[in-house]
C-alpha atoms as a PDB file:
ATOM      1  CA  MET A   1      41.068 -52.031  -4.713  1.00  0.00           C
ATOM      2  CA  TYR A   2      41.409 -49.542  -7.559  1.00  0.00           C
ATOM      3  CA  THR A   3      41.406 -50.867 -11.118  1.00  0.00           C
ATOM      4  CA  TYR A   4      42.234 -49.324 -14.466  1.00  0.00           C
ATOM      5  CA  ALA A   5      40.005 -49.293 -17.551  1.00  0.00           C
ATOM      6  CA  ALA A   6      41.607 -47.975 -20.719  1.00  0.00           C
ATOM      7  CA  ASN A   7      38.391 -46.391 -21.949  1.00  0.00           C
ATOM      8  CA  ASN A   8      37.623 -44.682 -18.631  1.00  0.00           C
ATOM      9  CA  PRO A   9      40.716 -43.287 -16.853  1.00  0.00           C
ATOM     10  CA  ILE A  10      38.544 -41.805 -14.066  1.00  0.00           C
ATOM     11  CA  ARG A  11      38.016 -45.335 -12.756  1.00  0.00           C
ATOM     12  CA  TYR A  12      41.760 -45.592 -12.257  1.00  0.00           C
ATOM     13  CA  TYR A  13      41.471 -43.057  -9.435  1.00  0.00           C
ATOM     14  CA  ASP A  14      38.188 -44.161  -7.905  1.00  0.00           C
ATOM     15  CA  PRO A  15      36.067 -46.981  -9.294  1.00  0.00           C
ATOM     16  CA  ASP A  16      33.003 -45.689  -7.429  1.00  0.00           C
ATOM     17  CA  GLY A  17      33.426 -42.068  -8.469  1.00  0.00           C
ATOM     18  CA  HIS A  18      33.636 -40.827  -4.862  1.00  0.00           C
ATOM     19  CA  PHE A  19      36.850 -38.877  -5.412  1.00  0.00           C
ATOM     20  CA  TRP A  20      35.418 -36.857  -8.274  1.00  0.00           C
ATOM     21  CA  LYS A  21      32.103 -36.329  -6.530  1.00  0.00           C
ATOM     22  CA  GLU A  22      33.934 -34.843  -3.559  1.00  0.00           C
ATOM     23  CA  ILE A  23      35.824 -32.492  -5.876  1.00  0.00           C
ATOM     24  CA  GLY A  24      32.565 -31.491  -7.556  1.00  0.00           C
ATOM     25  CA  ASP A  25      30.863 -30.898  -4.217  1.00  0.00           C
ATOM     26  CA  GLY A  26      33.837 -28.823  -3.080  1.00  0.00           C
ATOM     27  CA  LEU A  27      33.695 -26.663  -6.188  1.00  0.00           C
ATOM     28  CA  LYS A  28      29.953 -26.119  -5.760  1.00  0.00           C
ATOM     29  CA  TRP A  29      30.505 -25.136  -2.133  1.00  0.00           C
ATOM     30  CA  LEU A  30      33.273 -22.711  -3.110  1.00  0.00           C
ATOM     31  CA  GLY A  31      31.191 -21.270  -5.939  1.00  0.00           C
ATOM     32  CA  GLY A  32      28.266 -20.802  -3.580  1.00  0.00           C
ATOM     33  CA  LYS A  33      30.444 -18.939  -1.092  1.00  0.00           C
ATOM     34  CA  VAL A  34      31.761 -16.632  -3.798  1.00  0.00           C
ATOM     35  CA  TYR A  35      28.260 -16.021  -5.165  1.00  0.00           C
ATOM     36  CA  ASN A  36      26.757 -15.315  -1.742  1.00  0.00           C
ATOM     37  CA  GLY A  37      29.571 -12.947  -0.847  1.00  0.00           C
ATOM     38  CA  ALA A  38      29.259 -11.006  -4.099  1.00  0.00           C
ATOM     39  CA  SER A  39      25.478 -10.904  -3.713  1.00  0.00           C
ATOM     40  CA  LYS A  40      25.721  -9.418  -0.211  1.00  0.00           C
ATOM     41  CA  ILE A  41      28.176  -6.768  -1.394  1.00  0.00           C
ATOM     42  CA  THR A  42      25.911  -5.863  -4.320  1.00  0.00           C
ATOM     43  CA  ASP A  43      22.868  -5.719  -2.050  1.00  0.00           C
ATOM     44  CA  LYS A  44      24.614  -3.358   0.393  1.00  0.00           C
ATOM     45  CA  ALA A  45      25.944  -1.137  -2.414  1.00  0.00           C
ATOM     46  CA  ILE A  46      22.511  -0.804  -4.037  1.00  0.00           C
ATOM     47  CA  HIS A  47      20.784   0.065  -0.778  1.00  0.00           C
ATOM     48  CA  ALA A  48      23.539   2.465   0.259  1.00  0.00           C
ATOM     49  CA  SER A  49      23.191   4.280  -3.061  1.00  0.00           C
ATOM     50  CA  ASP A  50      19.436   4.575  -2.578  1.00  0.00           C
ATOM     51  CA  TRP A  51      19.915   5.885   0.975  1.00  0.00           C
ATOM     52  CA  VAL A  52      22.373   8.552  -0.186  1.00  0.00           C
ATOM     53  CA  ALA A  53      20.100   9.589  -3.042  1.00  0.00           C
ATOM     54  CA  CYS A  54      17.109   9.931  -0.695  1.00  0.00           C
ATOM     55  CA  ASN A  55      18.684  11.297   2.475  1.00  0.00           C
ATOM     56  CA  VAL A  56      21.645  13.292   1.193  1.00  0.00           C
ATOM     57  CA  LEU A  57      20.616  14.432  -2.263  1.00  0.00           C
ATOM     58  CA  GLY A  58      16.904  14.705  -1.485  1.00  0.00           C
ATOM     59  CA  ILE A  59      15.803  12.592  -4.462  1.00  0.00           C
ATOM     60  CA  ASP A  60      12.492  10.754  -4.268  1.00  0.00           C
ATOM     61  CA  THR A  61      13.875   7.551  -5.757  1.00  0.00           C
ATOM     62  CA  ALA A  62      10.511   5.788  -5.505  1.00  0.00           C
ATOM     63  CA  ALA A  63       8.874   8.484  -7.650  1.00  0.00           C
ATOM     64  CA  VAL A  64      11.723   8.302 -10.168  1.00  0.00           C
ATOM     65  CA  GLY A  65      11.467   4.529 -10.338  1.00  0.00           C
ATOM     66  CA  GLY A  66       7.698   4.606 -10.533  1.00  0.00           C
ATOM     67  CA  PHE A  67       7.808   7.042 -13.458  1.00  0.00           C
ATOM     68  CA  ALA A  68      10.424   5.009 -15.335  1.00  0.00           C
ATOM     69  CA  LEU A  69       8.497   1.770 -14.803  1.00  0.00           C
ATOM     70  CA  MET A  70       5.086   3.262 -15.713  1.00  0.00           C
ATOM     71  CA  MET A  71       3.583   2.979 -12.247  1.00  0.00           C
ATOM     72  CA  ASP A  72       0.899   4.997 -10.525  1.00  0.00           C
ATOM     73  CA  LYS A  73       0.919   5.966  -6.836  1.00  0.00           C
ATOM     74  CA  ASP A  74      -2.297   5.545  -4.900  1.00  0.00           C
ATOM     75  CA  ALA A  75      -3.605   7.703  -2.054  1.00  0.00           C
ATOM     76  CA  LYS A  76      -1.601   5.706   0.499  1.00  0.00           C
ATOM     77  CA  GLY A  77       1.683   6.163  -1.350  1.00  0.00           C
ATOM     78  CA  VAL A  78       1.772   2.609  -2.732  1.00  0.00           C
ATOM     79  CA  TYR A  79       2.861   2.086  -6.339  1.00  0.00           C
ATOM     80  CA  HIS A  80       1.141  -0.139  -8.893  1.00  0.00           C
ATOM     81  CA  ALA A  81       2.177  -0.962 -12.458  1.00  0.00           C
ATOM     82  CA  ARG A  82      -0.178   0.080 -15.227  1.00  0.00           C
ATOM     83  CA  THR A  83      -1.695  -2.585 -17.444  1.00  0.00           C
ATOM     84  CA  ASP A  84      -0.003  -0.981 -20.476  1.00  0.00           C
ATOM     85  CA  ALA A  85       3.457  -0.879 -18.844  1.00  0.00           C
ATOM     86  CA  TRP A  86       6.339  -1.324 -21.269  1.00  0.00           C
ATOM     87  CA  GLN A  87       7.516  -4.439 -19.369  1.00  0.00           C
ATOM     88  CA  LYS A  88       4.911  -6.497 -21.208  1.00  0.00           C
ATOM     89  CA  ALA A  89       7.154  -6.399 -24.295  1.00  0.00           C
ATOM     90  CA  GLY A  90       9.902  -8.297 -22.485  1.00  0.00           C
ATOM     91  CA  GLY A  91       7.872 -11.230 -21.198  1.00  0.00           C
ATOM     92  CA  TYR A  92       9.642 -13.187 -18.487  1.00  0.00           C
ATOM     93  CA  ASN A  93      12.166 -15.930 -17.815  1.00  0.00           C
ATOM     94  CA  SER A  94      14.256 -17.262 -14.941  1.00  0.00           C
ATOM     95  CA  LEU A  95      17.263 -15.129 -15.892  1.00  0.00           C
ATOM     96  CA  TYR A  96      15.359 -12.078 -14.685  1.00  0.00           C
ATOM     97  CA  ASP A  97      14.842 -13.826 -11.355  1.00  0.00           C
ATOM     98  CA  ALA A  98      18.548 -14.608 -11.079  1.00  0.00           C
ATOM     99  CA  VAL A  99      19.417 -10.914 -11.474  1.00  0.00           C
ATOM    100  CA  PHE A 100      16.708  -9.882  -9.009  1.00  0.00           C
ATOM    101  CA  ASP A 101      17.904 -12.444  -6.465  1.00  0.00           C
ATOM    102  CA  PHE A 102      21.550 -11.421  -6.828  1.00  0.00           C
ATOM    103  CA  GLY A 103      20.878  -7.778  -6.005  1.00  0.00           C
ATOM    104  CA  THR A 104      18.388  -7.939  -3.144  1.00  0.00           C
ATOM    105  CA  SER A 105      16.179 -10.154  -0.975  1.00  0.00           C
ATOM    106  CA  MET A 106      13.443 -11.917  -2.941  1.00  0.00           C
ATOM    107  CA  LYS A 107      11.324 -15.042  -3.187  1.00  0.00           C
ATOM    108  CA  THR A 108       9.618 -16.367  -6.286  1.00  0.00           C
ATOM    109  CA  SER A 109       7.436 -19.280  -7.271  1.00  0.00           C
ATOM    110  CA  TYR A 110       5.590 -20.182 -10.447  1.00  0.00           C
ATOM    111  CA  TYR A 111       2.673 -22.471 -11.163  1.00  0.00           C
ATOM    112  CA  GLY A 112       2.441 -24.022 -14.596  1.00  0.00           C
ATOM    113  CA  PHE A 113      -0.630 -25.538 -16.225  1.00  0.00           C
ATOM    114  CA  SER A 114      -1.957 -26.408 -19.665  1.00  0.00           C
ATOM    115  CA  TYR A 115      -5.221 -25.321 -21.242  1.00  0.00           C
ATOM    116  CA  GLY A 116      -6.500 -25.458 -24.804  1.00  0.00           C
ATOM    117  CA  GLY A 117      -3.263 -26.973 -26.076  1.00  0.00           C
ATOM    118  CA  LYS A 118      -1.084 -24.168 -24.657  1.00  0.00           C
ATOM    119  CA  ASP A 119       1.127 -23.873 -21.598  1.00  0.00           C
ATOM    120  CA  TYR A 120       0.731 -21.090 -19.053  1.00  0.00           C
ATOM    121  CA  ARG A 121       2.285 -19.936 -15.800  1.00  0.00           C
ATOM    122  CA  LEU A 122       1.106 -17.866 -12.898  1.00  0.00           C
ATOM    123  CA  TRP A 123       4.366 -16.406 -11.585  1.00  0.00           C
ATOM    124  CA  ALA A 124       4.559 -14.857  -8.109  1.00  0.00           C
ATOM    125  CA  TRP A 125       7.173 -12.689  -6.389  1.00  0.00           C
ATOM    126  CA  LYS A 126       7.722 -10.915  -3.106  1.00  0.00           C
ATOM    127  CA  GLY A 127      10.716  -9.061  -1.746  1.00  0.00           C
ATOM    128  CA  ASP A 128      12.700  -5.908  -1.276  1.00  0.00           C
ATOM    129  CA  TYR A 129      12.501  -3.709  -4.375  1.00  0.00           C
ATOM    130  CA  VAL A 130      15.097  -1.207  -3.096  1.00  0.00           C
ATOM    131  CA  ASN A 131      13.808   2.285  -3.977  1.00  0.00           C
ATOM    132  CA  LEU A 132      10.214   1.054  -4.292  1.00  0.00           C
ATOM    133  CA  GLY A 133      10.362  -0.729  -0.940  1.00  0.00           C
ATOM    134  CA  ALA A 134       8.590  -3.896   0.118  1.00  0.00           C
ATOM    135  CA  GLY A 135       6.578  -5.293  -2.746  1.00  0.00           C
ATOM    136  CA  ALA A 136       4.968  -8.226  -4.492  1.00  0.00           C
ATOM    137  CA  GLU A 137       3.769  -9.223  -7.945  1.00  0.00           C
ATOM    138  CA  LEU A 138       1.747 -11.871  -9.746  1.00  0.00           C
ATOM    139  CA  GLY A 139       1.657 -12.266 -13.523  1.00  0.00           C
ATOM    140  CA  ILE A 140       0.110 -14.664 -16.012  1.00  0.00           C
ATOM    141  CA  TYR A 141       2.350 -15.746 -18.899  1.00  0.00           C
ATOM    142  CA  GLN A 142       2.083 -17.903 -21.987  1.00  0.00           C
ATOM    143  CA  LYS A 143       4.877 -20.201 -23.169  1.00  0.00           C
ATOM    144  CA  SER A 144       6.952 -18.581 -25.888  1.00  0.00           C
ATOM    145  CA  SER A 145       8.418 -20.079 -29.049  1.00  0.00           C
ATOM    146  CA  ILE A 146      11.765 -18.992 -27.553  1.00  0.00           C
ATOM    147  CA  PRO A 147      13.049 -21.847 -25.350  1.00  0.00           C
ATOM    148  CA  GLY A 148      12.829 -21.024 -21.645  1.00  0.00           C
ATOM    149  CA  HIS A 149      10.945 -17.782 -22.234  1.00  0.00           C
ATOM    150  CA  TRP A 150       7.373 -16.784 -21.414  1.00  0.00           C
ATOM    151  CA  ASP A 151       5.357 -14.154 -23.269  1.00  0.00           C
ATOM    152  CA  VAL A 152       2.761 -11.666 -22.123  1.00  0.00           C
ATOM    153  CA  ASN A 153      -0.649 -12.028 -23.719  1.00  0.00           C
ATOM    154  CA  THR A 154      -2.806  -9.189 -22.405  1.00  0.00           C
ATOM    155  CA  SER A 155      -5.973 -10.971 -23.548  1.00  0.00           C
ATOM    156  CA  LEU A 156      -5.356 -13.369 -20.644  1.00  0.00           C
ATOM    157  CA  ALA A 157      -5.923 -10.583 -18.088  1.00  0.00           C
ATOM    158  CA  LEU A 158      -8.137 -11.610 -15.170  1.00  0.00           C
ATOM    159  CA  PRO A 159      -9.583  -9.813 -12.149  1.00  0.00           C
ATOM    160  CA  MET A 160      -6.945 -10.041  -9.413  1.00  0.00           C
ATOM    161  CA  THR A 161      -6.393  -8.714  -5.892  1.00  0.00           C
ATOM    162  CA  MET A 162      -3.476  -8.813  -3.478  1.00  0.00           C
ATOM    163  CA  THR A 163      -2.587  -8.036   0.117  1.00  0.00           C
ATOM    164  CA  LEU A 164       0.946  -7.701   1.500  1.00  0.00           C
ATOM    165  CA  SER A 165       1.981  -8.098   5.144  1.00  0.00           C
ATOM    166  CA  LEU A 166       5.302  -7.594   6.923  1.00  0.00           C
ATOM    167  CA  ASN A 167       5.833  -9.647  10.078  1.00  0.00           C
ATOM    168  CA  GLY A 168       2.095 -10.230  10.243  1.00  0.00           C
ATOM    169  CA  LYS A 169       1.151  -6.554   9.835  1.00  0.00           C
ATOM    170  CA  GLN A 170      -0.755  -5.581   6.691  1.00  0.00           C
ATOM    171  CA  ILE A 171       1.175  -2.859   4.863  1.00  0.00           C
ATOM    172  CA  ALA A 172      -0.592  -2.663   1.493  1.00  0.00           C
ATOM    173  CA  THR A 173      -3.571  -3.975  -0.411  1.00  0.00           C
ATOM    174  CA  TYR A 174      -4.739  -3.626  -4.007  1.00  0.00           C
ATOM    175  CA  ASN A 175      -8.103  -4.415  -5.561  1.00  0.00           C
ATOM    176  CA  PRO A 176      -8.149  -2.895  -9.046  1.00  0.00           C
ATOM    177  CA  SER A 177     -11.386  -2.748 -11.016  1.00  0.00           C
ATOM    178  CA  GLU A 178      -9.569  -3.478 -14.270  1.00  0.00           C
ATOM    179  CA  PRO A 179      -8.498  -7.069 -15.097  1.00  0.00           C
ATOM    180  CA  GLN A 180      -4.754  -7.602 -14.708  1.00  0.00           C
ATOM    181  CA  TRP A 181      -2.181  -9.621 -16.595  1.00  0.00           C
ATOM    182  CA  TRP A 182       0.323  -8.434 -13.961  1.00  0.00           C
ATOM    183  CA  ILE A 183      -0.787  -7.179 -10.552  1.00  0.00           C
ATOM    184  CA  THR A 184       1.750  -5.368  -8.383  1.00  0.00           C
ATOM    185  CA  LEU A 185       2.165  -3.267  -5.277  1.00  0.00           C
ATOM    186  CA  PHE A 186       5.247  -1.600  -3.799  1.00  0.00           C
ATOM    187  CA  ASN A 187       5.334   0.319  -0.528  1.00  0.00           C
ATOM    188  CA  PRO A 188       8.401   2.632  -0.265  1.00  0.00           C
ATOM    189  CA  ASN A 189       7.653   3.280   3.421  1.00  0.00           C
ATOM    190  CA  TYR A 190       9.165  -0.140   4.174  1.00  0.00           C
ATOM    191  CA  LYS A 191      12.656  -0.458   2.723  1.00  0.00           C
ATOM    192  CA  ASN A 192      15.495  -2.939   3.124  1.00  0.00           C
ATOM    193  CA  VAL A 193      13.199  -5.750   4.239  1.00  0.00           C
ATOM    194  CA  ASP A 194      13.820  -9.506   4.272  1.00  0.00           C
ATOM    195  CA  ALA A 195      11.583 -11.374   1.824  1.00  0.00           C
ATOM    196  CA  ASN A 196      11.182 -14.133   4.440  1.00  0.00           C
ATOM    197  CA  ASN A 197       9.288 -11.655   6.624  1.00  0.00           C
ATOM    198  CA  LEU A 198       6.773 -10.834   3.898  1.00  0.00           C
ATOM    199  CA  THR A 199       3.512 -12.670   3.310  1.00  0.00           C
ATOM    200  CA  VAL A 200       1.314 -11.990   0.338  1.00  0.00           C
ATOM    201  CA  SER A 201      -2.163 -13.224  -0.549  1.00  0.00           C
ATOM    202  CA  TYR A 202      -3.310 -13.135  -4.179  1.00  0.00           C
ATOM    203  CA  THR A 203      -6.735 -13.915  -5.608  1.00  0.00           C
ATOM    204  CA  VAL A 204      -7.384 -14.687  -9.264  1.00  0.00           C
ATOM    205  CA  ASN A 205     -10.950 -14.676 -10.568  1.00  0.00           C
ATOM    206  CA  PHE A 206     -11.392 -17.025 -13.547  1.00  0.00           C
ATOM    207  CA  SER A 207     -15.143 -16.465 -13.910  1.00  0.00           C
ATOM    208  CA  GLY A 208     -14.531 -14.954 -17.345  1.00  0.00           C
ATOM    209  CA  ASN A 209     -12.680 -18.104 -18.423  1.00  0.00           C
ATOM    210  CA  THR A 210     -14.136 -21.081 -16.579  1.00  0.00           C
ATOM    211  CA  GLY A 211     -12.331 -23.585 -18.799  1.00  0.00           C
ATOM    212  CA  MET A 212      -8.981 -22.159 -17.697  1.00  0.00           C
ATOM    213  CA  PHE A 213     -10.163 -22.323 -14.084  1.00  0.00           C
ATOM    214  CA  ASP A 214     -10.998 -26.007 -14.479  1.00  0.00           C
ATOM    215  CA  ALA A 215      -7.534 -26.718 -15.919  1.00  0.00           C
ATOM    216  CA  PHE A 216      -5.800 -24.823 -13.120  1.00  0.00           C
ATOM    217  CA  TYR A 217      -8.010 -26.399 -10.463  1.00  0.00           C
ATOM    218  CA  LYS A 218      -7.267 -29.877 -11.781  1.00  0.00           C
ATOM    219  CA  GLN A 219      -3.523 -29.160 -11.653  1.00  0.00           C
ATOM    220  CA  TYR A 220      -3.340 -27.827  -8.085  1.00  0.00           C
ATOM    221  CA  ALA A 221      -6.449 -28.645  -6.060  1.00  0.00           C
ATOM    222  CA  GLY A 222      -5.420 -32.232  -5.413  1.00  0.00           C
ATOM    223  CA  GLN A 223      -1.776 -31.544  -4.609  1.00  0.00           C
ATOM    224  CA  LYS A 224      -0.616 -32.271  -1.081  1.00  0.00           C
ATOM    225  CA  ASN A 225       0.280 -29.040   0.745  1.00  0.00           C
ATOM    226  CA  SER A 226      -0.818 -26.959  -2.245  1.00  0.00           C
ATOM    227  CA  PRO A 227      -0.461 -23.211  -1.562  1.00  0.00           C
ATOM    228  CA  TRP A 228      -3.642 -22.638  -3.564  1.00  0.00           C
ATOM    229  CA  THR A 229      -7.212 -22.763  -2.268  1.00  0.00           C
ATOM    230  CA  PHE A 230     -10.257 -22.660  -4.504  1.00  0.00           C
ATOM    231  CA  ASP A 231     -13.794 -21.336  -4.519  1.00  0.00           C
ATOM    232  CA  LYS A 232     -15.389 -23.457  -7.235  1.00  0.00           C
ATOM    233  CA  LYS A 233     -18.710 -21.647  -7.006  1.00  0.00           C
ATOM    234  CA  ASN A 234     -17.126 -18.296  -7.898  1.00  0.00           C
ATOM    235  CA  TYR A 235     -14.225 -19.674  -9.996  1.00  0.00           C
ATOM    236  CA  THR A 236     -11.674 -18.026  -7.731  1.00  0.00           C
ATOM    237  CA  ALA A 237      -8.189 -19.235  -6.787  1.00  0.00           C
ATOM    238  CA  THR A 238      -6.260 -17.855  -3.803  1.00  0.00           C
ATOM    239  CA  LEU A 239      -2.511 -18.125  -3.282  1.00  0.00           C
ATOM    240  CA  LYS A 240      -0.818 -17.656   0.109  1.00  0.00           C
ATOM    241  CA  PHE A 241       2.854 -16.937  -0.512  1.00  0.00           C
END
């Protein structure tokens, strides 16, 4: 039986709140449908534009993008961001991920930990980077004074490697000699891929900062189903993503 409380008119309609929960769930469902539809349209428009630019106008969109984003192409045609790329000025936050996810197929995951009184994240991505093709990234970030934002501190750079596979086939690997605050690879020979079909393996060598390794190891080594494995002898962490 419904009752009325003067200080809470919602209870007049449903004392258990079920009515309003159903409305809220309905709105979320509708919003999700609208978002997904708009995302698919945007994805198709972006890829169609890249196809026209490449196949009709003869533009090497990967080369254009690589130049604009301060990337170098290796002997196998795979692009990698330079350690002095201008993107370091912008740091990172989840809003960037939302834009990335809206326009194409992507997956992301971050791994936070604390060390020396500061908070850090190792942030990983894989997906379809449109003109740059199938790609993946891993960056290390330090918590900013700006709420929700994470800064780049290039002094945190560590030796890193990565290998990217599509449907179980290795399509790119990168083992730079220079420590990285952000390691990347993008293979424009594989475009319009589904991020779910990509697998990437990253290694991070903390031997130059064993205290940070210990903090990261303590955070993730004991977790059930942790995606990280560790080589304590060599202070190396490996992520399968």
